[in-house]
Amino acid sequence: MPETAFIAIGSNIQPEEYIPKAVERLRDVGQVVAVSHVYRTEPVGPPGQPQYCNAAVAIETDIPPLDLRLRLRTIEADLGRVRSADKFAPRTIDLDIVYYTNITMNRAELTLPSVELISADHIRIPLIDIGASRQIEELRDHSSAGGLDLRADFCCCV
């Protein structure tokens, strides 16, 4: 039976190109049921990087979380993502599972729900945008949208 996976998307290298491509590629791993607005955020890490654009997507999928994580890494690589020792390096695309209905786990490679659900506006706000679920409805109470600007000039539609 399919579960809903909520995936955070980020890009600060040509986001207008790579975010829509990533959303399209997510159709290969499940049925895309919701896509958030795109938000502009300041980068974390070394100064001088371009701003990030962040969004969230909900997909219905039969793929187990660890397998889905591997599929997301393949999509990232196909879209030009180069992983380096600098975890804050600029990137064409970043795809992270942050919530998966009815599944919790705490493994070195994946923690569900993500610990960043509460602490990171660039993840929380787009999830609220797509009505993440009753289980994380409490996020509304913690949201402030501080530091996020809605990117009204482009969107990724379902």
C-alpha atoms as a PDB file:
ATOM      1  CA  MET A   1       0.000   0.000   0.000  1.00  0.00           C
ATOM      2  CA  PRO A   2       1.486   3.384  -0.965  1.00  0.00           C
ATOM      3  CA  GLU A   3       2.662   5.785   1.707  1.00  0.00           C
ATOM      4  CA  THR A   4       3.169   9.519   1.336  1.00  0.00           C
ATOM      5  CA  ALA A   5       6.757  10.735   1.349  1.00  0.00           C
ATOM      6  CA  PHE A   6       7.493  14.416   1.820  1.00  0.00           C
ATOM      7  CA  ILE A   7      10.646  15.549   0.050  1.00  0.00           C
ATOM      8  CA  ALA A   8      12.472  18.826   0.622  1.00  0.00           C
ATOM      9  CA  ILE A   9      14.019  20.342  -2.498  1.00  0.00           C
ATOM     10  CA  GLY A  10      16.769  22.945  -2.596  1.00  0.00           C
ATOM     11  CA  SER A  11      18.945  24.538  -5.268  1.00  0.00           C
ATOM     12  CA  ASN A  12      21.249  27.517  -5.543  1.00  0.00           C
ATOM     13  CA  ILE A  13      22.655  26.810  -8.987  1.00  0.00           C
ATOM     14  CA  GLN A  14      20.082  27.657 -11.680  1.00  0.00           C
ATOM     15  CA  PRO A  15      17.086  26.785  -9.459  1.00  0.00           C
ATOM     16  CA  GLU A  16      14.589  27.896 -12.122  1.00  0.00           C
ATOM     17  CA  GLU A  17      15.938  25.057 -14.270  1.00  0.00           C
ATOM     18  CA  TYR A  18      16.706  22.356 -11.725  1.00  0.00           C
ATOM     19  CA  ILE A  19      13.742  22.513  -9.345  1.00  0.00           C
ATOM     20  CA  PRO A  20      11.156  21.855 -12.099  1.00  0.00           C
ATOM     21  CA  LYS A  21      13.381  19.097 -13.520  1.00  0.00           C
ATOM     22  CA  ALA A  22      13.608  17.484 -10.084  1.00  0.00           C
ATOM     23  CA  VAL A  23       9.829  17.616  -9.617  1.00  0.00           C
ATOM     24  CA  GLU A  24       9.386  15.969 -13.013  1.00  0.00           C
ATOM     25  CA  ARG A  25      11.908  13.251 -12.136  1.00  0.00           C
ATOM     26  CA  LEU A  26      10.083  12.555  -8.859  1.00  0.00           C
ATOM     27  CA  ARG A  27       7.272  11.187 -11.038  1.00  0.00           C
ATOM     28  CA  ASP A  28       9.621   8.230 -11.664  1.00  0.00           C
ATOM     29  CA  VAL A  29       9.468   7.225  -7.982  1.00  0.00           C
ATOM     30  CA  GLY A  30       5.836   7.920  -7.170  1.00  0.00           C
ATOM     31  CA  GLN A  31       2.719   9.894  -7.890  1.00  0.00           C
ATOM     32  CA  VAL A  32       3.309  13.586  -7.226  1.00  0.00           C
ATOM     33  CA  VAL A  33       0.302  14.741  -5.193  1.00  0.00           C
ATOM     34  CA  ALA A  34       1.384  18.205  -4.024  1.00  0.00           C
ATOM     35  CA  VAL A  35       4.081  20.783  -4.759  1.00  0.00           C
ATOM     36  CA  SER A  36       4.728  23.814  -2.575  1.00  0.00           C
ATOM     37  CA  HIS A  37       5.526  27.341  -3.577  1.00  0.00           C
ATOM     38  CA  VAL A  38       9.216  28.064  -4.064  1.00  0.00           C
ATOM     39  CA  TYR A  39      10.914  30.145  -1.368  1.00  0.00           C
ATOM     40  CA  ARG A  40      14.173  32.056  -1.540  1.00  0.00           C
ATOM     41  CA  THR A  41      16.452  31.602   1.487  1.00  0.00           C
ATOM     42  CA  GLU A  42      19.888  32.737   2.554  1.00  0.00           C
ATOM     43  CA  PRO A  43      22.594  30.075   2.244  1.00  0.00           C
ATOM     44  CA  VAL A  44      24.060  28.347   5.280  1.00  0.00           C
ATOM     45  CA  GLY A  45      27.819  28.047   5.300  1.00  0.00           C
ATOM     46  CA  PRO A  46      30.542  30.147   3.694  1.00  0.00           C
ATOM     47  CA  PRO A  47      29.593  33.676   2.606  1.00  0.00           C
ATOM     48  CA  GLY A  48      29.352  34.601  -1.039  1.00  0.00           C
ATOM     49  CA  GLN A  49      27.093  31.768  -2.197  1.00  0.00           C
ATOM     50  CA  PRO A  50      23.980  32.500  -4.225  1.00  0.00           C
ATOM     51  CA  GLN A  51      20.649  32.392  -2.399  1.00  0.00           C
ATOM     52  CA  TYR A  52      18.826  29.086  -2.267  1.00  0.00           C
ATOM     53  CA  CYS A  53      15.404  28.310  -3.591  1.00  0.00           C
ATOM     54  CA  ASN A  54      13.518  25.745  -1.532  1.00  0.00           C
ATOM     55  CA  ALA A  55      10.299  23.818  -2.029  1.00  0.00           C
ATOM     56  CA  ALA A  56       8.614  20.603  -0.914  1.00  0.00           C
ATOM     57  CA  VAL A  57       6.876  17.811  -2.779  1.00  0.00           C
ATOM     58  CA  ALA A  58       4.540  15.079  -1.557  1.00  0.00           C
ATOM     59  CA  ILE A  59       4.584  11.793  -3.442  1.00  0.00           C
ATOM     60  CA  GLU A  60       2.678   8.575  -2.963  1.00  0.00           C
ATOM     61  CA  THR A  61       5.036   5.650  -3.347  1.00  0.00           C
ATOM     62  CA  ASP A  62       5.537   1.966  -2.578  1.00  0.00           C
ATOM     63  CA  ILE A  63       9.300   2.414  -2.364  1.00  0.00           C
ATOM     64  CA  PRO A  64      10.679   1.897   1.172  1.00  0.00           C
ATOM     65  CA  PRO A  65      12.467   4.955   2.643  1.00  0.00           C
ATOM     66  CA  LEU A  66      16.070   3.734   2.333  1.00  0.00           C
ATOM     67  CA  ASP A  67      15.499   2.634  -1.260  1.00  0.00           C
ATOM     68  CA  LEU A  68      13.773   5.931  -2.013  1.00  0.00           C
ATOM     69  CA  ARG A  69      16.771   7.798  -0.558  1.00  0.00           C
ATOM     70  CA  LEU A  70      19.042   5.948  -3.001  1.00  0.00           C
ATOM     71  CA  ARG A  71      16.724   6.798  -5.899  1.00  0.00           C
ATOM     72  CA  LEU A  72      16.799  10.467  -4.873  1.00  0.00           C
ATOM     73  CA  ARG A  73      20.613  10.397  -4.864  1.00  0.00           C
ATOM     74  CA  THR A  74      20.513   9.030  -8.424  1.00  0.00           C
ATOM     75  CA  ILE A  75      18.194  11.852  -9.506  1.00  0.00           C
ATOM     76  CA  GLU A  76      20.540  14.377  -7.889  1.00  0.00           C
ATOM     77  CA  ALA A  77      23.542  12.929  -9.734  1.00  0.00           C
ATOM     78  CA  ASP A  78      21.634  12.859 -13.027  1.00  0.00           C
ATOM     79  CA  LEU A  79      20.851  16.565 -12.520  1.00  0.00           C
ATOM     80  CA  GLY A  80      24.497  17.448 -11.963  1.00  0.00           C
ATOM     81  CA  ARG A  81      24.744  17.357  -8.172  1.00  0.00           C
ATOM     82  CA  VAL A  82      28.342  16.854  -7.090  1.00  0.00           C
ATOM     83  CA  ARG A  83      28.779  15.848  -3.458  1.00  0.00           C
ATOM     84  CA  SER A  84      31.933  17.013  -1.721  1.00  0.00           C
ATOM     85  CA  ALA A  85      33.335  17.192   1.786  1.00  0.00           C
ATOM     86  CA  ASP A  86      31.766  20.659   2.057  1.00  0.00           C
ATOM     87  CA  LYS A  87      28.178  19.876   3.003  1.00  0.00           C
ATOM     88  CA  PHE A  88      27.266  23.538   2.412  1.00  0.00           C
ATOM     89  CA  ALA A  89      28.672  23.734  -1.120  1.00  0.00           C
ATOM     90  CA  PRO A  90      26.441  25.192  -3.853  1.00  0.00           C
ATOM     91  CA  ARG A  91      24.335  22.581  -5.642  1.00  0.00           C
ATOM     92  CA  THR A  92      22.129  22.136  -8.652  1.00  0.00           C
ATOM     93  CA  ILE A  93      19.651  20.123  -6.599  1.00  0.00           C
ATOM     94  CA  ASP A  94      19.241  18.662  -3.137  1.00  0.00           C
ATOM     95  CA  LEU A  95      16.490  16.100  -2.462  1.00  0.00           C
ATOM     96  CA  ASP A  96      15.863  14.945   1.101  1.00  0.00           C
ATOM     97  CA  ILE A  97      13.110  12.783   2.542  1.00  0.00           C
ATOM     98  CA  VAL A  98      11.939  14.656   5.626  1.00  0.00           C
ATOM     99  CA  TYR A  99       8.744  12.815   6.510  1.00  0.00           C
ATOM    100  CA  TYR A 100       7.201   9.498   5.528  1.00  0.00           C
ATOM    101  CA  THR A 101       3.703   8.634   6.740  1.00  0.00           C
ATOM    102  CA  ASN A 102       3.515   5.778   9.230  1.00  0.00           C
ATOM    103  CA  ILE A 103       7.291   5.266   9.261  1.00  0.00           C
ATOM    104  CA  THR A 104       9.849   6.401  11.796  1.00  0.00           C
ATOM    105  CA  MET A 105      13.511   5.449  11.807  1.00  0.00           C
ATOM    106  CA  ASN A 106      16.774   6.585  13.275  1.00  0.00           C
ATOM    107  CA  ARG A 107      19.649   5.301  11.156  1.00  0.00           C
ATOM    108  CA  ALA A 108      22.960   6.859  10.269  1.00  0.00           C
ATOM    109  CA  GLU A 109      21.856   7.394   6.673  1.00  0.00           C
ATOM    110  CA  LEU A 110      18.277   8.513   7.361  1.00  0.00           C
ATOM    111  CA  THR A 111      16.233   9.769  10.291  1.00  0.00           C
ATOM    112  CA  LEU A 112      12.449  10.003   9.925  1.00  0.00           C
ATOM    113  CA  PRO A 113      10.899  12.316  10.663  1.00  0.00           C
ATOM    114  CA  SER A 114      13.833  14.607   9.961  1.00  0.00           C
ATOM    115  CA  VAL A 115      15.142  16.524  12.952  1.00  0.00           C
ATOM    116  CA  GLU A 116      15.069  19.627  10.724  1.00  0.00           C
ATOM    117  CA  LEU A 117      11.266  19.624  10.514  1.00  0.00           C
ATOM    118  CA  ILE A 118      11.014  21.945  13.493  1.00  0.00           C
ATOM    119  CA  SER A 119      14.348  23.762  13.319  1.00  0.00           C
ATOM    120  CA  ALA A 120      14.644  24.731   9.643  1.00  0.00           C
ATOM    121  CA  ASP A 121      12.222  27.253   8.135  1.00  0.00           C
ATOM    122  CA  HIS A 122      13.370  26.355   4.607  1.00  0.00           C
ATOM    123  CA  ILE A 123      11.982  22.860   5.196  1.00  0.00           C
ATOM    124  CA  ARG A 124       9.049  23.564   7.523  1.00  0.00           C
ATOM    125  CA  ILE A 125       7.380  26.396   5.587  1.00  0.00           C
ATOM    126  CA  PRO A 126       7.170  24.565   2.211  1.00  0.00           C
ATOM    127  CA  LEU A 127       5.831  21.479   4.033  1.00  0.00           C
ATOM    128  CA  ILE A 128       3.123  23.555   5.669  1.00  0.00           C
ATOM    129  CA  ASP A 129       2.381  24.929   2.197  1.00  0.00           C
ATOM    130  CA  ILE A 130       1.409  21.464   0.978  1.00  0.00           C
ATOM    131  CA  GLY A 131      -0.503  20.473   4.118  1.00  0.00           C
ATOM    132  CA  ALA A 132       2.092  17.911   5.146  1.00  0.00           C
ATOM    133  CA  SER A 133      -0.257  15.905   7.384  1.00  0.00           C
ATOM    134  CA  ARG A 134      -2.077  15.895  10.704  1.00  0.00           C
ATOM    135  CA  GLN A 135       1.022  14.471  12.383  1.00  0.00           C
ATOM    136  CA  ILE A 136       3.040  17.566  11.593  1.00  0.00           C
ATOM    137  CA  GLU A 137       0.220  20.100  11.769  1.00  0.00           C
ATOM    138  CA  GLU A 138       1.862  21.401  14.937  1.00  0.00           C
ATOM    139  CA  LEU A 139       4.502  22.900  12.643  1.00  0.00           C
ATOM    140  CA  ARG A 140       2.080  25.717  11.922  1.00  0.00           C
ATOM    141  CA  ASP A 141       2.397  26.757  15.543  1.00  0.00           C
ATOM    142  CA  HIS A 142       6.181  27.031  15.216  1.00  0.00           C
ATOM    143  CA  SER A 143       6.376  28.697  11.813  1.00  0.00           C
ATOM    144  CA  SER A 144       7.498  32.251  11.368  1.00  0.00           C
ATOM    145  CA  ALA A 145       8.547  32.416   7.696  1.00  0.00           C
ATOM    146  CA  GLY A 146      11.357  34.676   8.882  1.00  0.00           C
ATOM    147  CA  GLY A 147      14.159  34.741   6.354  1.00  0.00           C
ATOM    148  CA  LEU A 148      12.038  33.235   3.573  1.00  0.00           C
ATOM    149  CA  ASP A 149      10.754  35.114   0.557  1.00  0.00           C
ATOM    150  CA  LEU A 150       8.101  33.619  -1.683  1.00  0.00           C
ATOM    151  CA  ARG A 151       9.426  33.278  -5.243  1.00  0.00           C
ATOM    152  CA  ALA A 152       6.339  34.436  -7.096  1.00  0.00           C
ATOM    153  CA  ASP A 153       8.267  34.562 -10.378  1.00  0.00           C
ATOM    154  CA  PHE A 154       8.308  30.806 -10.826  1.00  0.00           C
ATOM    155  CA  CYS A 155       6.563  27.721  -9.493  1.00  0.00           C
ATOM    156  CA  CYS A 156       6.534  24.008  -9.985  1.00  0.00           C
ATOM    157  CA  CYS A 157       3.073  22.713 -10.661  1.00  0.00           C
ATOM    158  CA  VAL A 158       1.709  19.210 -10.049  1.00  0.00           C
END
